[in-house]
Amino acid sequence: MTWYALLKFLHVLLAIVAVGANVTYGVWLSRAARDRRHLLFALRGVQVLDDRIANPAYVLVLVTGLAMLHAGGHAITTPWILSSLVLYVLVAVVGILGYSPVLRRQIAVLDTGGADSPEFVRLAAASRRLGIVLAVLVVAIVFLMVTRPPLWGA
């Protein structure tokens, strides 16, 4: 097995782990919304999955992707690669500056003010919007990685 094949395997496996963890968030939260006694547990579960599984996997996806560029002789300026990297940076910015702080605040507000507080309702809506934005961006990256479209000038 070549280094490139091993890197590609790890890259895909890590992407599956990261995206798979993210997909579960909606399930956790929709189930907890049916029985609010479990909402705090679900939000903390999402936070643990995000902090300990999804986000580290996303970092390693970048590392293995960049290593594949080197090992495979691909140019970073290849349109589908460059577009994916731009989207990746956007995902990181929205996740770090948007989703993670909102999730932390949502947990804190739920713990002190409850699920019916206006602040919690506002934060839950913001979390939902940010989650949708992140999901769309990640699906776009996966699409680019799998289909490798020529995009512009190719």
N, C-alpha and C. Protein backbone atom coordinates (compact mmCIF):
# COMPACT_ATOMS: atom_id res chain seq x y z
N MET A 1 0.85 -1.18 0.00
CA MET A 1 0.00 0.00 0.00
C MET A 1 0.90 1.24 0.00
N THR A 2 0.54 2.20 -0.83
CA THR A 2 1.33 3.42 -0.90
C THR A 2 0.94 4.37 0.23
N TRP A 3 1.82 5.33 0.51
CA TRP A 3 1.52 6.35 1.51
C TRP A 3 0.28 7.12 1.11
N TYR A 4 0.17 7.40 -0.18
CA TYR A 4 -0.99 8.15 -0.66
C TYR A 4 -2.29 7.39 -0.37
N ALA A 5 -2.30 6.09 -0.64
CA ALA A 5 -3.51 5.29 -0.40
C ALA A 5 -3.84 5.26 1.09
N LEU A 6 -2.83 5.15 1.94
CA LEU A 6 -3.06 5.16 3.38
C LEU A 6 -3.60 6.52 3.83
N LEU A 7 -3.02 7.59 3.33
CA LEU A 7 -3.50 8.93 3.67
C LEU A 7 -4.94 9.13 3.21
N LYS A 8 -5.22 8.65 2.01
CA LYS A 8 -6.59 8.78 1.47
C LYS A 8 -7.59 8.02 2.33
N PHE A 9 -7.22 6.80 2.74
CA PHE A 9 -8.07 6.01 3.63
C PHE A 9 -8.33 6.78 4.93
N LEU A 10 -7.28 7.28 5.55
CA LEU A 10 -7.43 8.02 6.81
C LEU A 10 -8.26 9.28 6.61
N HIS A 11 -8.03 9.97 5.51
CA HIS A 11 -8.75 11.20 5.19
C HIS A 11 -10.26 10.92 5.09
N VAL A 12 -10.62 9.90 4.36
CA VAL A 12 -12.04 9.54 4.18
C VAL A 12 -12.64 9.06 5.50
N LEU A 13 -11.90 8.22 6.22
CA LEU A 13 -12.39 7.72 7.50
C LEU A 13 -12.64 8.87 8.48
N LEU A 14 -11.71 9.80 8.56
CA LEU A 14 -11.87 10.95 9.45
C LEU A 14 -13.04 11.84 9.03
N ALA A 15 -13.23 11.99 7.72
CA ALA A 15 -14.38 12.77 7.24
C ALA A 15 -15.69 12.10 7.63
N ILE A 16 -15.74 10.78 7.51
CA ILE A 16 -16.93 10.04 7.92
C ILE A 16 -17.20 10.24 9.41
N VAL A 17 -16.16 10.15 10.22
CA VAL A 17 -16.31 10.33 11.67
C VAL A 17 -16.81 11.74 11.98
N ALA A 18 -16.19 12.75 11.38
CA ALA A 18 -16.56 14.15 11.66
C ALA A 18 -17.99 14.44 11.23
N VAL A 19 -18.30 14.14 9.98
CA VAL A 19 -19.64 14.43 9.46
C VAL A 19 -20.67 13.55 10.17
N GLY A 20 -20.32 12.30 10.41
CA GLY A 20 -21.24 11.40 11.10
C GLY A 20 -21.61 11.91 12.48
N ALA A 21 -20.61 12.40 13.22
CA ALA A 21 -20.89 12.96 14.54
C ALA A 21 -21.83 14.16 14.42
N ASN A 22 -21.55 15.03 13.45
CA ASN A 22 -22.39 16.21 13.25
C ASN A 22 -23.83 15.85 12.91
N VAL A 23 -24.02 14.82 12.13
CA VAL A 23 -25.36 14.41 11.73
C VAL A 23 -26.19 14.00 12.95
N THR A 24 -25.54 13.46 13.96
CA THR A 24 -26.29 13.00 15.14
C THR A 24 -26.85 14.14 15.97
N TYR A 25 -26.32 15.34 15.83
CA TYR A 25 -26.76 16.45 16.68
C TYR A 25 -28.25 16.70 16.54
N GLY A 26 -28.74 16.70 15.31
CA GLY A 26 -30.16 16.92 15.08
C GLY A 26 -31.02 15.86 15.74
N VAL A 27 -30.54 14.62 15.70
CA VAL A 27 -31.28 13.52 16.33
C VAL A 27 -31.32 13.71 17.85
N TRP A 28 -30.16 14.00 18.44
CA TRP A 28 -30.09 14.24 19.88
C TRP A 28 -31.07 15.34 20.30
N LEU A 29 -31.01 16.45 19.57
CA LEU A 29 -31.79 17.62 19.97
C LEU A 29 -33.28 17.45 19.71
N SER A 30 -33.64 16.79 18.63
CA SER A 30 -35.06 16.58 18.36
C SER A 30 -35.68 15.63 19.38
N ARG A 31 -34.92 14.62 19.77
CA ARG A 31 -35.43 13.70 20.80
C ARG A 31 -35.55 14.41 22.15
N ALA A 32 -34.57 15.24 22.48
CA ALA A 32 -34.61 15.96 23.75
C ALA A 32 -35.73 17.01 23.76
N ALA A 33 -36.06 17.56 22.61
CA ALA A 33 -37.14 18.56 22.55
C ALA A 33 -38.49 17.93 22.91
N ARG A 34 -38.62 16.64 22.70
CA ARG A 34 -39.86 15.94 23.06
C ARG A 34 -40.00 15.75 24.56
N ASP A 35 -38.88 15.70 25.24
CA ASP A 35 -38.89 15.54 26.69
C ASP A 35 -37.79 16.45 27.25
N ARG A 36 -38.17 17.63 27.64
CA ARG A 36 -37.21 18.67 28.01
C ARG A 36 -36.34 18.30 29.22
N ARG A 37 -36.73 17.29 29.95
CA ARG A 37 -35.90 16.86 31.07
C ARG A 37 -34.53 16.39 30.57
N HIS A 38 -34.46 16.01 29.30
CA HIS A 38 -33.22 15.48 28.73
C HIS A 38 -32.46 16.51 27.88
N LEU A 39 -32.99 17.73 27.81
CA LEU A 39 -32.40 18.74 26.93
C LEU A 39 -30.97 19.10 27.36
N LEU A 40 -30.75 19.31 28.63
CA LEU A 40 -29.40 19.66 29.10
C LEU A 40 -28.42 18.53 28.82
N PHE A 41 -28.86 17.30 29.07
CA PHE A 41 -28.00 16.14 28.78
C PHE A 41 -27.67 16.08 27.29
N ALA A 42 -28.67 16.31 26.45
CA ALA A 42 -28.46 16.25 25.00
C ALA A 42 -27.50 17.35 24.53
N LEU A 43 -27.70 18.57 25.02
CA LEU A 43 -26.81 19.66 24.64
C LEU A 43 -25.38 19.40 25.09
N ARG A 44 -25.23 18.90 26.29
CA ARG A 44 -23.87 18.57 26.76
C ARG A 44 -23.28 17.41 25.96
N GLY A 45 -24.12 16.47 25.55
CA GLY A 45 -23.66 15.38 24.69
C GLY A 45 -23.19 15.89 23.34
N VAL A 46 -23.94 16.82 22.76
CA VAL A 46 -23.54 17.43 21.50
C VAL A 46 -22.21 18.14 21.67
N GLN A 47 -22.06 18.85 22.78
CA GLN A 47 -20.81 19.57 23.03
C GLN A 47 -19.62 18.61 23.15
N VAL A 48 -19.81 17.51 23.84
CA VAL A 48 -18.73 16.51 23.98
C VAL A 48 -18.39 15.92 22.61
N LEU A 49 -19.41 15.54 21.85
CA LEU A 49 -19.16 15.01 20.50
C LEU A 49 -18.42 16.02 19.64
N ASP A 50 -18.83 17.28 19.73
CA ASP A 50 -18.21 18.33 18.92
C ASP A 50 -16.76 18.55 19.33
N ASP A 51 -16.54 18.69 20.64
CA ASP A 51 -15.20 19.01 21.14
C ASP A 51 -14.22 17.85 21.05
N ARG A 52 -14.70 16.63 21.28
CA ARG A 52 -13.78 15.50 21.41
C ARG A 52 -13.73 14.57 20.20
N ILE A 53 -14.74 14.65 19.34
CA ILE A 53 -14.75 13.74 18.18
C ILE A 53 -14.76 14.51 16.87
N ALA A 54 -15.82 15.30 16.64
CA ALA A 54 -15.96 15.97 15.34
C ALA A 54 -14.83 16.96 15.06
N ASN A 55 -14.61 17.89 15.97
CA ASN A 55 -13.59 18.92 15.70
C ASN A 55 -12.18 18.36 15.56
N PRO A 56 -11.74 17.44 16.43
CA PRO A 56 -10.41 16.84 16.19
C PRO A 56 -10.35 16.09 14.85
N ALA A 57 -11.44 15.42 14.48
CA ALA A 57 -11.46 14.72 13.20
C ALA A 57 -11.35 15.71 12.05
N TYR A 58 -12.04 16.86 12.15
CA TYR A 58 -11.94 17.88 11.10
C TYR A 58 -10.51 18.42 10.98
N VAL A 59 -9.84 18.61 12.10
CA VAL A 59 -8.44 19.07 12.06
C VAL A 59 -7.58 18.03 11.34
N LEU A 60 -7.78 16.76 11.68
CA LEU A 60 -6.99 15.70 11.04
C LEU A 60 -7.37 15.50 9.58
N VAL A 61 -8.60 15.82 9.21
CA VAL A 61 -9.00 15.81 7.79
C VAL A 61 -8.14 16.82 7.03
N LEU A 62 -7.96 17.99 7.61
CA LEU A 62 -7.12 19.00 6.96
C LEU A 62 -5.67 18.51 6.85
N VAL A 63 -5.15 17.97 7.93
CA VAL A 63 -3.77 17.48 7.95
C VAL A 63 -3.57 16.39 6.89
N THR A 64 -4.46 15.41 6.87
CA THR A 64 -4.31 14.32 5.89
C THR A 64 -4.54 14.82 4.48
N GLY A 65 -5.46 15.77 4.31
CA GLY A 65 -5.69 16.34 2.98
C GLY A 65 -4.46 17.07 2.46
N LEU A 66 -3.84 17.86 3.31
CA LEU A 66 -2.62 18.57 2.90
C LEU A 66 -1.48 17.59 2.64
N ALA A 67 -1.40 16.53 3.45
CA ALA A 67 -0.37 15.50 3.22
C ALA A 67 -0.62 14.80 1.88
N MET A 68 -1.89 14.58 1.54
CA MET A 68 -2.21 13.96 0.25
C MET A 68 -1.80 14.87 -0.91
N LEU A 69 -1.94 16.18 -0.73
CA LEU A 69 -1.49 17.10 -1.77
C LEU A 69 0.00 16.89 -2.05
N HIS A 70 0.75 16.80 -0.98
CA HIS A 70 2.20 16.61 -1.11
C HIS A 70 2.52 15.23 -1.70
N ALA A 71 1.92 14.18 -1.15
CA ALA A 71 2.23 12.81 -1.57
C ALA A 71 1.74 12.52 -2.98
N GLY A 72 0.64 13.15 -3.36
CA GLY A 72 0.05 12.86 -4.67
C GLY A 72 0.45 13.82 -5.77
N GLY A 73 1.20 14.85 -5.40
CA GLY A 73 1.65 15.81 -6.39
C GLY A 73 0.54 16.72 -6.91
N HIS A 74 -0.53 16.87 -6.14
CA HIS A 74 -1.62 17.76 -6.54
C HIS A 74 -1.25 19.20 -6.21
N ALA A 75 -1.75 20.11 -7.02
CA ALA A 75 -1.53 21.54 -6.75
C ALA A 75 -2.65 22.08 -5.88
N ILE A 76 -2.29 22.88 -4.91
CA ILE A 76 -3.29 23.47 -4.03
C ILE A 76 -4.20 24.43 -4.81
N THR A 77 -3.72 24.88 -5.96
CA THR A 77 -4.50 25.81 -6.78
C THR A 77 -5.49 25.09 -7.71
N THR A 78 -5.51 23.76 -7.67
CA THR A 78 -6.53 23.03 -8.43
C THR A 78 -7.89 23.54 -7.97
N PRO A 79 -8.75 23.96 -8.88
CA PRO A 79 -9.99 24.64 -8.48
C PRO A 79 -10.83 23.92 -7.42
N TRP A 80 -11.05 22.62 -7.55
CA TRP A 80 -11.89 21.93 -6.56
C TRP A 80 -11.19 21.83 -5.21
N ILE A 81 -9.86 21.76 -5.21
CA ILE A 81 -9.11 21.71 -3.96
C ILE A 81 -9.13 23.08 -3.29
N LEU A 82 -8.82 24.11 -4.05
CA LEU A 82 -8.81 25.47 -3.51
C LEU A 82 -10.19 25.87 -3.00
N SER A 83 -11.23 25.55 -3.76
CA SER A 83 -12.60 25.86 -3.33
C SER A 83 -12.94 25.13 -2.04
N SER A 84 -12.54 23.87 -1.94
CA SER A 84 -12.78 23.10 -0.72
C SER A 84 -12.07 23.70 0.47
N LEU A 85 -10.84 24.14 0.27
CA LEU A 85 -10.08 24.75 1.36
C LEU A 85 -10.70 26.07 1.81
N VAL A 86 -11.18 26.85 0.87
CA VAL A 86 -11.86 28.11 1.22
C VAL A 86 -13.12 27.80 2.04
N LEU A 87 -13.90 26.82 1.60
CA LEU A 87 -15.09 26.42 2.34
C LEU A 87 -14.71 25.87 3.72
N TYR A 88 -13.62 25.12 3.79
CA TYR A 88 -13.15 24.57 5.06
C TYR A 88 -12.84 25.70 6.05
N VAL A 89 -12.14 26.72 5.57
CA VAL A 89 -11.82 27.87 6.43
C VAL A 89 -13.11 28.54 6.90
N LEU A 90 -14.08 28.66 6.00
CA LEU A 90 -15.37 29.24 6.36
C LEU A 90 -16.08 28.40 7.43
N VAL A 91 -16.04 27.07 7.27
CA VAL A 91 -16.62 26.17 8.28
C VAL A 91 -15.93 26.38 9.62
N ALA A 92 -14.62 26.47 9.61
CA ALA A 92 -13.86 26.66 10.86
C ALA A 92 -14.23 27.98 11.52
N VAL A 93 -14.33 29.04 10.74
CA VAL A 93 -14.67 30.35 11.29
C VAL A 93 -16.08 30.34 11.88
N VAL A 94 -17.04 29.82 11.13
CA VAL A 94 -18.43 29.76 11.62
C VAL A 94 -18.53 28.86 12.85
N GLY A 95 -17.81 27.76 12.84
CA GLY A 95 -17.84 26.84 13.98
C GLY A 95 -17.20 27.43 15.21
N ILE A 96 -16.02 28.01 15.05
CA ILE A 96 -15.27 28.53 16.19
C ILE A 96 -15.89 29.82 16.73
N LEU A 97 -16.26 30.72 15.83
CA LEU A 97 -16.77 32.03 16.27
C LEU A 97 -18.29 32.07 16.44
N GLY A 98 -18.99 31.08 15.86
CA GLY A 98 -20.44 31.08 15.92
C GLY A 98 -21.01 29.93 16.71
N TYR A 99 -20.94 28.73 16.14
CA TYR A 99 -21.64 27.59 16.72
C TYR A 99 -21.16 27.24 18.13
N SER A 100 -19.87 27.10 18.32
CA SER A 100 -19.35 26.69 19.64
C SER A 100 -19.71 27.67 20.75
N PRO A 101 -19.52 28.98 20.55
CA PRO A 101 -19.91 29.91 21.62
C PRO A 101 -21.43 29.91 21.88
N VAL A 102 -22.22 29.78 20.83
CA VAL A 102 -23.68 29.73 21.01
C VAL A 102 -24.06 28.48 21.79
N LEU A 103 -23.45 27.35 21.47
CA LEU A 103 -23.75 26.11 22.19
C LEU A 103 -23.37 26.23 23.67
N ARG A 104 -22.19 26.78 23.94
CA ARG A 104 -21.77 26.97 25.34
C ARG A 104 -22.76 27.87 26.09
N ARG A 105 -23.14 28.96 25.45
CA ARG A 105 -24.09 29.91 26.08
C ARG A 105 -25.46 29.25 26.26
N GLN A 106 -25.87 28.48 25.27
CA GLN A 106 -27.16 27.80 25.33
C GLN A 106 -27.20 26.86 26.54
N ILE A 107 -26.13 26.13 26.77
CA ILE A 107 -26.06 25.21 27.91
C ILE A 107 -26.12 26.01 29.21
N ALA A 108 -25.37 27.11 29.29
CA ALA A 108 -25.35 27.92 30.50
C ALA A 108 -26.73 28.52 30.79
N VAL A 109 -27.39 29.02 29.76
CA VAL A 109 -28.71 29.63 29.95
C VAL A 109 -29.73 28.58 30.32
N LEU A 110 -29.67 27.42 29.70
CA LEU A 110 -30.61 26.35 30.04
C LEU A 110 -30.42 25.92 31.49
N ASP A 111 -29.19 25.87 31.91
CA ASP A 111 -28.87 25.44 33.28
C ASP A 111 -29.41 26.43 34.31
N THR A 112 -29.45 27.70 33.98
CA THR A 112 -29.88 28.71 34.95
C THR A 112 -31.29 29.24 34.70
N GLY A 113 -31.66 29.43 33.43
CA GLY A 113 -32.95 30.08 33.13
C GLY A 113 -34.02 29.18 32.59
N GLY A 114 -33.66 27.98 32.16
CA GLY A 114 -34.65 27.05 31.66
C GLY A 114 -34.90 27.19 30.16
N ALA A 115 -35.58 26.19 29.62
CA ALA A 115 -35.82 26.11 28.18
C ALA A 115 -36.85 27.11 27.69
N ASP A 116 -37.65 27.69 28.59
CA ASP A 116 -38.66 28.65 28.17
C ASP A 116 -38.18 30.10 28.24
N SER A 117 -36.97 30.30 28.72
CA SER A 117 -36.48 31.68 28.81
C SER A 117 -36.27 32.23 27.40
N PRO A 118 -36.57 33.52 27.20
CA PRO A 118 -36.40 34.12 25.87
C PRO A 118 -34.96 33.99 25.34
N GLU A 119 -34.00 34.08 26.24
CA GLU A 119 -32.58 33.95 25.84
C GLU A 119 -32.30 32.55 25.30
N PHE A 120 -32.81 31.52 25.97
CA PHE A 120 -32.60 30.16 25.50
C PHE A 120 -33.27 29.94 24.15
N VAL A 121 -34.48 30.43 24.00
CA VAL A 121 -35.20 30.28 22.73
C VAL A 121 -34.41 30.96 21.61
N ARG A 122 -33.88 32.16 21.88
CA ARG A 122 -33.08 32.89 20.89
C ARG A 122 -31.81 32.11 20.53
N LEU A 123 -31.14 31.59 21.55
CA LEU A 123 -29.91 30.83 21.32
C LEU A 123 -30.18 29.52 20.57
N ALA A 124 -31.28 28.86 20.90
CA ALA A 124 -31.64 27.61 20.20
C ALA A 124 -31.88 27.89 18.72
N ALA A 125 -32.55 29.00 18.43
CA ALA A 125 -32.79 29.36 17.02
C ALA A 125 -31.47 29.69 16.32
N ALA A 126 -30.59 30.41 17.00
CA ALA A 126 -29.28 30.74 16.42
C ALA A 126 -28.48 29.47 16.17
N SER A 127 -28.51 28.56 17.13
CA SER A 127 -27.80 27.29 16.99
C SER A 127 -28.31 26.50 15.80
N ARG A 128 -29.62 26.48 15.64
CA ARG A 128 -30.23 25.77 14.51
C ARG A 128 -29.78 26.38 13.18
N ARG A 129 -29.84 27.71 13.09
CA ARG A 129 -29.42 28.40 11.85
C ARG A 129 -27.95 28.12 11.54
N LEU A 130 -27.10 28.25 12.54
CA LEU A 130 -25.67 28.00 12.34
C LEU A 130 -25.41 26.55 11.95
N GLY A 131 -26.14 25.63 12.57
CA GLY A 131 -26.01 24.22 12.22
C GLY A 131 -26.37 23.95 10.77
N ILE A 132 -27.42 24.60 10.30
CA ILE A 132 -27.83 24.44 8.89
C ILE A 132 -26.76 24.99 7.96
N VAL A 133 -26.25 26.18 8.28
CA VAL A 133 -25.18 26.78 7.46
C VAL A 133 -23.97 25.85 7.41
N LEU A 134 -23.56 25.35 8.57
CA LEU A 134 -22.41 24.45 8.62
C LEU A 134 -22.67 23.17 7.82
N ALA A 135 -23.86 22.62 7.93
CA ALA A 135 -24.19 21.40 7.19
C ALA A 135 -24.11 21.63 5.69
N VAL A 136 -24.64 22.74 5.23
CA VAL A 136 -24.60 23.05 3.79
C VAL A 136 -23.16 23.19 3.32
N LEU A 137 -22.34 23.89 4.10
CA LEU A 137 -20.93 24.07 3.72
C LEU A 137 -20.19 22.74 3.69
N VAL A 138 -20.42 21.90 4.68
CA VAL A 138 -19.73 20.60 4.74
C VAL A 138 -20.18 19.71 3.59
N VAL A 139 -21.47 19.71 3.27
CA VAL A 139 -21.96 18.92 2.13
C VAL A 139 -21.33 19.42 0.83
N ALA A 140 -21.17 20.73 0.71
CA ALA A 140 -20.51 21.28 -0.48
C ALA A 140 -19.06 20.81 -0.58
N ILE A 141 -18.36 20.77 0.55
CA ILE A 141 -16.98 20.27 0.55
C ILE A 141 -16.94 18.81 0.15
N VAL A 142 -17.81 18.00 0.72
CA VAL A 142 -17.86 16.57 0.37
C VAL A 142 -18.15 16.41 -1.11
N PHE A 143 -19.08 17.20 -1.63
CA PHE A 143 -19.41 17.14 -3.06
C PHE A 143 -18.16 17.44 -3.90
N LEU A 144 -17.45 18.49 -3.55
CA LEU A 144 -16.24 18.85 -4.31
C LEU A 144 -15.18 17.77 -4.22
N MET A 145 -15.01 17.20 -3.04
CA MET A 145 -13.99 16.16 -2.85
C MET A 145 -14.33 14.89 -3.64
N VAL A 146 -15.59 14.55 -3.70
CA VAL A 146 -15.98 13.31 -4.37
C VAL A 146 -16.05 13.48 -5.89
N THR A 147 -16.64 14.59 -6.34
CA THR A 147 -16.85 14.75 -7.79
C THR A 147 -15.69 15.42 -8.51
N ARG A 148 -14.89 16.18 -7.80
CA ARG A 148 -13.75 16.88 -8.38
C ARG A 148 -14.13 17.62 -9.67
N PRO A 149 -15.11 18.49 -9.60
CA PRO A 149 -15.56 19.18 -10.82
C PRO A 149 -14.49 20.15 -11.32
N PRO A 150 -14.45 20.39 -12.61
CA PRO A 150 -13.43 21.29 -13.15
C PRO A 150 -13.61 22.75 -12.70
N LEU A 151 -14.83 23.15 -12.35
CA LEU A 151 -15.17 24.51 -11.90
C LEU A 151 -14.82 25.56 -12.95
N TRP A 152 -13.75 26.28 -12.78
CA TRP A 152 -13.44 27.36 -13.72
C TRP A 152 -12.17 27.07 -14.50
N GLY A 153 -12.15 27.53 -15.74
CA GLY A 153 -10.95 27.51 -16.56
C GLY A 153 -10.30 26.16 -16.83
N ALA A 154 -11.01 25.07 -16.61
CA ALA A 154 -10.38 23.77 -16.85
C ALA A 154 -10.93 23.09 -18.07
